[in-house]
C-alpha atoms as a PDB file:
ATOM      1  CA  MET A   1      64.389  -2.104  31.919  1.00  0.00           C
ATOM      2  CA  SER A   2      64.437  -0.783  28.449  1.00  0.00           C
ATOM      3  CA  ARG A   3      64.629   2.804  27.335  1.00  0.00           C
ATOM      4  CA  SER A   4      61.950   4.507  25.303  1.00  0.00           C
ATOM      5  CA  PRO A   5      62.820   5.322  21.727  1.00  0.00           C
ATOM      6  CA  ARG A   6      64.111   8.858  21.093  1.00  0.00           C
ATOM      7  CA  SER A   7      61.603   9.588  18.357  1.00  0.00           C
ATOM      8  CA  SER A   8      58.687  11.828  19.009  1.00  0.00           C
ATOM      9  CA  ALA A   9      55.351  11.421  17.343  1.00  0.00           C
ATOM     10  CA  PRO A  10      52.471  13.890  17.502  1.00  0.00           C
ATOM     11  CA  VAL A  11      49.571  12.869  19.735  1.00  0.00           C
ATOM     12  CA  GLY A  12      46.503  15.084  19.443  1.00  0.00           C
ATOM     13  CA  ARG A  13      47.476  18.649  20.340  1.00  0.00           C
ATOM     14  CA  GLY A  14      50.593  17.628  22.276  1.00  0.00           C
ATOM     15  CA  VAL A  15      53.934  16.196  21.439  1.00  0.00           C
ATOM     16  CA  GLN A  16      55.103  12.965  23.008  1.00  0.00           C
ATOM     17  CA  ARG A  17      58.647  13.297  24.317  1.00  0.00           C
ATOM     18  CA  PRO A  18      60.661  10.562  25.961  1.00  0.00           C
ATOM     19  CA  SER A  19      62.022  11.221  29.435  1.00  0.00           C
ATOM     20  CA  THR A  20      65.143  10.008  31.136  1.00  0.00           C
ATOM     21  CA  HIS A  21      63.169   7.601  33.334  1.00  0.00           C
ATOM     22  CA  ASP A  22      62.078   4.311  31.864  1.00  0.00           C
ATOM     23  CA  GLY A  23      58.421   4.083  31.035  1.00  0.00           C
ATOM     24  CA  ASP A  24      57.712   7.686  32.066  1.00  0.00           C
ATOM     25  CA  GLN A  25      56.585   9.819  29.148  1.00  0.00           C
ATOM     26  CA  ARG A  26      55.205  13.334  29.317  1.00  0.00           C
ATOM     27  CA  LEU A  27      52.822  15.127  27.006  1.00  0.00           C
ATOM     28  CA  LEU A  28      53.766  18.711  26.224  1.00  0.00           C
ATOM     29  CA  VAL A  29      51.362  21.073  24.491  1.00  0.00           C
ATOM     30  CA  ALA A  30      52.828  22.539  21.330  1.00  0.00           C
ATOM     31  CA  ARG A  31      52.576  26.333  21.692  1.00  0.00           C
ATOM     32  CA  GLY A  32      55.364  27.540  19.516  1.00  0.00           C
ATOM     33  CA  PRO A  33      58.733  28.920  20.561  1.00  0.00           C
ATOM     34  CA  ARG A  34      58.994  30.431  24.017  1.00  0.00           C
ATOM     35  CA  ARG A  35      60.422  33.897  24.387  1.00  0.00           C
ATOM     36  CA  PRO A  36      62.617  34.824  27.327  1.00  0.00           C
ATOM     37  CA  GLY A  37      60.992  37.252  29.664  1.00  0.00           C
ATOM     38  CA  PRO A  38      61.050  38.393  33.256  1.00  0.00           C
ATOM     39  CA  GLY A  39      60.843  35.544  35.696  1.00  0.00           C
ATOM     40  CA  TRP A  40      62.079  32.886  33.276  1.00  0.00           C
ATOM     41  CA  ALA A  41      65.279  31.166  34.262  1.00  0.00           C
ATOM     42  CA  GLY A  42      67.892  30.308  31.695  1.00  0.00           C
ATOM     43  CA  GLY A  43      66.904  33.115  29.337  1.00  0.00           C
ATOM     44  CA  ALA A  44      65.564  30.683  26.754  1.00  0.00           C
ATOM     45  CA  GLY A  45      62.231  30.089  28.367  1.00  0.00           C
ATOM     46  CA  GLY A  46      63.132  27.691  31.191  1.00  0.00           C
ATOM     47  CA  PRO A  47      60.696  27.168  34.076  1.00  0.00           C
ATOM     48  CA  ARG A  48      60.440  29.653  36.929  1.00  0.00           C
ATOM     49  CA  SER A  49      62.123  28.903  40.202  1.00  0.00           C
ATOM     50  CA  ARG A  50      59.962  27.425  42.933  1.00  0.00           C
ATOM     51  CA  GLY A  51      60.711  30.251  45.352  1.00  0.00           C
ATOM     52  CA  GLU A  52      59.470  32.885  42.930  1.00  0.00           C
ATOM     53  CA  GLY A  53      56.265  30.986  42.242  1.00  0.00           C
ATOM     54  CA  LEU A  54      55.644  30.607  45.977  1.00  0.00           C
ATOM     55  CA  LEU A  55      56.218  34.327  46.556  1.00  0.00           C
ATOM     56  CA  ARG A  56      53.834  35.291  43.768  1.00  0.00           C
ATOM     57  CA  SER A  57      51.138  32.955  45.044  1.00  0.00           C
ATOM     58  CA  ARG A  58      51.417  34.360  48.565  1.00  0.00           C
ATOM     59  CA  LEU A  59      51.252  37.950  47.262  1.00  0.00           C
ATOM     60  CA  ARG A  60      48.164  37.115  45.219  1.00  0.00           C
ATOM     61  CA  ALA A  61      46.561  35.557  48.303  1.00  0.00           C
ATOM     62  CA  LEU A  62      47.213  38.714  50.356  1.00  0.00           C
ATOM     63  CA  VAL A  63      45.753  40.962  47.680  1.00  0.00           C
ATOM     64  CA  ALA A  64      42.753  38.701  47.211  1.00  0.00           C
ATOM     65  CA  ASP A  65      42.002  38.737  50.955  1.00  0.00           C
ATOM     66  CA  GLY A  66      41.861  42.564  50.956  1.00  0.00           C
ATOM     67  CA  ASP A  67      44.455  42.811  53.721  1.00  0.00           C
ATOM     68  CA  ASP A  68      45.711  46.271  52.729  1.00  0.00           C
ATOM     69  CA  ARG A  69      44.407  48.141  55.781  1.00  0.00           C
ATOM     70  CA  GLY A  70      47.767  47.749  57.493  1.00  0.00           C
ATOM     71  CA  SER A  71      49.609  49.373  54.632  1.00  0.00           C
ATOM     72  CA  ALA A  72      47.339  52.439  54.750  1.00  0.00           C
ATOM     73  CA  VAL A  73      47.966  52.845  58.478  1.00  0.00           C
ATOM     74  CA  GLN A  74      51.706  52.389  57.961  1.00  0.00           C
ATOM     75  CA  ALA A  75      51.725  55.033  55.251  1.00  0.00           C
ATOM     76  CA  ALA A  76      49.754  57.453  57.445  1.00  0.00           C
ATOM     77  CA  VAL A  77      52.238  56.994  60.288  1.00  0.00           C
ATOM     78  CA  LEU A  78      55.424  56.999  58.226  1.00  0.00           C
ATOM     79  CA  PHE A  79      54.644  59.841  55.796  1.00  0.00           C
ATOM     80  CA  PRO A  80      55.023  62.738  58.296  1.00  0.00           C
ATOM     81  CA  PHE A  81      58.215  61.167  59.619  1.00  0.00           C
ATOM     82  CA  LEU A  82      59.660  60.912  56.113  1.00  0.00           C
ATOM     83  CA  ILE A  83      58.770  64.546  55.388  1.00  0.00           C
ATOM     84  CA  ILE A  84      60.532  65.691  58.576  1.00  0.00           C
ATOM     85  CA  VAL A  85      63.619  63.616  57.756  1.00  0.00           C
ATOM     86  CA  THR A  86      63.702  65.033  54.215  1.00  0.00           C
ATOM     87  CA  PHE A  87      63.522  68.624  55.469  1.00  0.00           C
ATOM     88  CA  ALA A  88      66.167  67.887  58.113  1.00  0.00           C
ATOM     89  CA  ILE A  89      68.540  66.591  55.421  1.00  0.00           C
ATOM     90  CA  ILE A  90      67.948  69.684  53.282  1.00  0.00           C
ATOM     91  CA  GLN A  91      68.454  71.939  56.322  1.00  0.00           C
ATOM     92  CA  GLY A  92      71.695  70.145  57.156  1.00  0.00           C
ATOM     93  CA  GLY A  93      72.941  70.758  53.623  1.00  0.00           C
ATOM     94  CA  ILE A  94      72.123  74.474  53.881  1.00  0.00           C
ATOM     95  CA  TRP A  95      73.896  74.677  57.252  1.00  0.00           C
ATOM     96  CA  PHE A  96      77.062  73.038  55.879  1.00  0.00           C
ATOM     97  CA  TYR A  97      76.997  75.316  52.828  1.00  0.00           C
ATOM     98  CA  ALA A  98      76.712  78.408  55.049  1.00  0.00           C
ATOM     99  CA  ARG A  99      79.564  77.127  57.204  1.00  0.00           C
ATOM    100  CA  SER A 100      81.733  76.570  54.129  1.00  0.00           C
ATOM    101  CA  ALA A 101      80.893  80.055  52.843  1.00  0.00           C
ATOM    102  CA  ALA A 102      81.950  81.522  56.202  1.00  0.00           C
ATOM    103  CA  LEU A 103      85.279  79.689  55.968  1.00  0.00           C
ATOM    104  CA  ASN A 104      85.865  81.036  52.474  1.00  0.00           C
ATOM    105  CA  ALA A 105      84.905  84.555  53.622  1.00  0.00           C
ATOM    106  CA  ALA A 106      87.430  84.294  56.470  1.00  0.00           C
ATOM    107  CA  GLU A 107      90.117  83.276  53.958  1.00  0.00           C
ATOM    108  CA  GLU A 108      89.249  86.275  51.756  1.00  0.00           C
ATOM    109  CA  GLY A 109      89.492  88.546  54.810  1.00  0.00           C
ATOM    110  CA  LEU A 110      92.844  87.032  55.756  1.00  0.00           C
ATOM    111  CA  GLN A 111      94.243  87.660  52.266  1.00  0.00           C
ATOM    112  CA  ALA A 112      93.089  91.284  52.426  1.00  0.00           C
ATOM    113  CA  ALA A 113      94.596  91.778  55.902  1.00  0.00           C
ATOM    114  CA  ARG A 114      97.917  90.061  55.045  1.00  0.00           C
ATOM    115  CA  ALA A 115      98.636  92.335  52.097  1.00  0.00           C
ATOM    116  CA  GLU A 116     101.410  94.903  52.438  1.00  0.00           C
ATOM    117  CA  ASN A 117      99.022  97.805  53.068  1.00  0.00           C
ATOM    118  CA  GLY A 118      96.264  95.604  54.549  1.00  0.00           C
ATOM    119  CA  SER A 119      94.254  96.448  57.635  1.00  0.00           C
ATOM    120  CA  SER A 120      91.519  95.037  59.824  1.00  0.00           C
ATOM    121  CA  ALA A 121      88.951  97.211  58.057  1.00  0.00           C
ATOM    122  CA  ALA A 122      90.039  95.752  54.681  1.00  0.00           C
ATOM    123  CA  ALA A 123      89.610  92.243  56.102  1.00  0.00           C
ATOM    124  CA  VAL A 124      86.080  92.979  57.316  1.00  0.00           C
ATOM    125  CA  ALA A 125      85.148  94.583  53.986  1.00  0.00           C
ATOM    126  CA  ALA A 126      86.569  91.663  51.963  1.00  0.00           C
ATOM    127  CA  SER A 127      84.788  88.984  54.007  1.00  0.00           C
ATOM    128  CA  SER A 128      81.471  90.883  53.948  1.00  0.00           C
ATOM    129  CA  SER A 129      81.755  91.359  50.201  1.00  0.00           C
ATOM    130  CA  PHE A 130      82.410  87.640  49.701  1.00  0.00           C
ATOM    131  CA  LEU A 131      79.379  86.667  51.814  1.00  0.00           C
ATOM    132  CA  ARG A 132      77.133  89.010  49.811  1.00  0.00           C
ATOM    133  CA  ARG A 133      78.318  87.470  46.528  1.00  0.00           C
ATOM    134  CA  ALA A 134      78.523  83.772  47.460  1.00  0.00           C
ATOM    135  CA  ALA A 135      76.063  83.252  50.287  1.00  0.00           C
ATOM    136  CA  SER A 136      73.404  85.902  49.913  1.00  0.00           C
ATOM    137  CA  GLY A 137      70.479  84.837  52.092  1.00  0.00           C
ATOM    138  CA  THR A 138      72.216  81.697  53.383  1.00  0.00           C
ATOM    139  CA  VAL A 139      74.330  83.239  56.144  1.00  0.00           C
ATOM    140  CA  VAL A 140      72.148  85.215  58.562  1.00  0.00           C
ATOM    141  CA  ARG A 141      73.613  87.825  60.958  1.00  0.00           C
ATOM    142  CA  PRO A 142      77.289  87.406  59.944  1.00  0.00           C
ATOM    143  CA  ALA A 143      80.012  88.871  62.127  1.00  0.00           C
ATOM    144  CA  THR A 144      83.689  89.266  61.255  1.00  0.00           C
ATOM    145  CA  GLU A 145      86.394  89.646  63.884  1.00  0.00           C
ATOM    146  CA  VAL A 146      90.057  90.349  63.094  1.00  0.00           C
ATOM    147  CA  ASN A 147      92.878  89.786  65.604  1.00  0.00           C
ATOM    148  CA  ALA A 148      96.278  91.066  64.466  1.00  0.00           C
ATOM    149  CA  SER A 149      99.612  90.628  66.172  1.00  0.00           C
ATOM    150  CA  PRO A 150     103.074  91.540  64.834  1.00  0.00           C
ATOM    151  CA  LEU A 151     103.581  87.989  63.464  1.00  0.00           C
ATOM    152  CA  THR A 152     100.085  86.563  62.797  1.00  0.00           C
ATOM    153  CA  ILE A 153      96.630  87.623  61.726  1.00  0.00           C
ATOM    154  CA  SER A 154      93.480  85.720  62.632  1.00  0.00           C
ATOM    155  CA  VAL A 155      90.104  86.305  60.950  1.00  0.00           C
ATOM    156  CA  THR A 156      86.928  84.781  62.410  1.00  0.00           C
ATOM    157  CA  VAL A 157      83.592  84.808  60.565  1.00  0.00           C
ATOM    158  CA  SER A 158      80.541  83.616  62.481  1.00  0.00           C
ATOM    159  CA  GLY A 159      76.851  83.517  61.711  1.00  0.00           C
ATOM    160  CA  GLU A 160      73.705  81.436  61.471  1.00  0.00           C
ATOM    161  CA  SER A 161      72.222  79.577  58.545  1.00  0.00           C
ATOM    162  CA  THR A 162      68.791  80.200  57.064  1.00  0.00           C
ATOM    163  CA  ALA A 163      66.203  77.927  58.685  1.00  0.00           C
ATOM    164  CA  ILE A 164      63.581  76.220  56.530  1.00  0.00           C
ATOM    165  CA  VAL A 165      62.194  74.224  59.460  1.00  0.00           C
ATOM    166  CA  ASP A 166      61.521  76.520  62.411  1.00  0.00           C
ATOM    167  CA  PHE A 167      61.328  73.876  65.136  1.00  0.00           C
ATOM    168  CA  LEU A 168      64.771  72.382  64.356  1.00  0.00           C
ATOM    169  CA  PRO A 169      67.310  74.427  66.346  1.00  0.00           C
ATOM    170  CA  LEU A 170      70.483  75.145  64.419  1.00  0.00           C
ATOM    171  CA  PRO A 171      73.791  75.902  66.106  1.00  0.00           C
ATOM    172  CA  ARG A 172      75.629  79.104  65.325  1.00  0.00           C
ATOM    173  CA  PHE A 173      78.839  78.441  63.411  1.00  0.00           C
ATOM    174  CA  SER A 174      82.212  80.119  63.587  1.00  0.00           C
ATOM    175  CA  GLN A 175      85.122  79.682  61.171  1.00  0.00           C
ATOM    176  CA  THR A 176      88.624  80.947  61.964  1.00  0.00           C
ATOM    177  CA  VAL A 177      91.604  81.268  59.633  1.00  0.00           C
ATOM    178  CA  THR A 178      95.081  82.230  60.888  1.00  0.00           C
ATOM    179  CA  GLY A 179      98.093  83.198  58.805  1.00  0.00           C
ATOM    180  CA  ALA A 180     101.465  84.863  59.096  1.00  0.00           C
ATOM    181  CA  THR A 181     101.758  88.583  58.526  1.00  0.00           C
ATOM    182  CA  GLU A 182     103.566  89.437  55.326  1.00  0.00           C
ATOM    183  CA  ARG A 183     106.623  91.528  56.060  1.00  0.00           C
ATOM    184  CA  PHE A 184     109.877  92.453  54.449  1.00  0.00           C
ATOM    185  CA  THR A 185     112.998  90.807  55.865  1.00  0.00           C
ATOM    186  CA  THR A 186     116.698  91.101  54.949  1.00  0.00           C
ATOM    187  CA  ASN A 187     117.953  87.558  55.500  1.00  0.00           C
END
């Protein structure tokens, strides 16, 4: 078994190149330098992988057969579901924003009630003012309740969020903040 010489001589339009097997020579068509592109392994123009070629051939066969009726039916069934899910996600975000705004309004009311000359009316006014500024149109039917004892003050803000999808029931939320009453001591 002798090896083929390593020289290459032009044969017609191709180039004769020796292979690693004895007596086996391949003819390659001279096309110029290959450029790397999508689907080429090795970056320098190597052959595509067998799995990718098989996938492409199967996809071409499906398109050639005209078997796209199933995809139209799938789209018709899935599209309304996707729209409902999208609106539900947006509605959930609005609900959590309204809930967060109610918590912040309760904290504003607590700060107003804890002040030295604070009162329950000041707490209600401060929380209502905060909701008008920060959550105008997001919190629907807000209610503020203040419970004061000699040592603690508790402010509760409750309400509902704006509904963009009428058939999705939204729970009413309630946020409570409790803090100590500020008072002067001589310790």
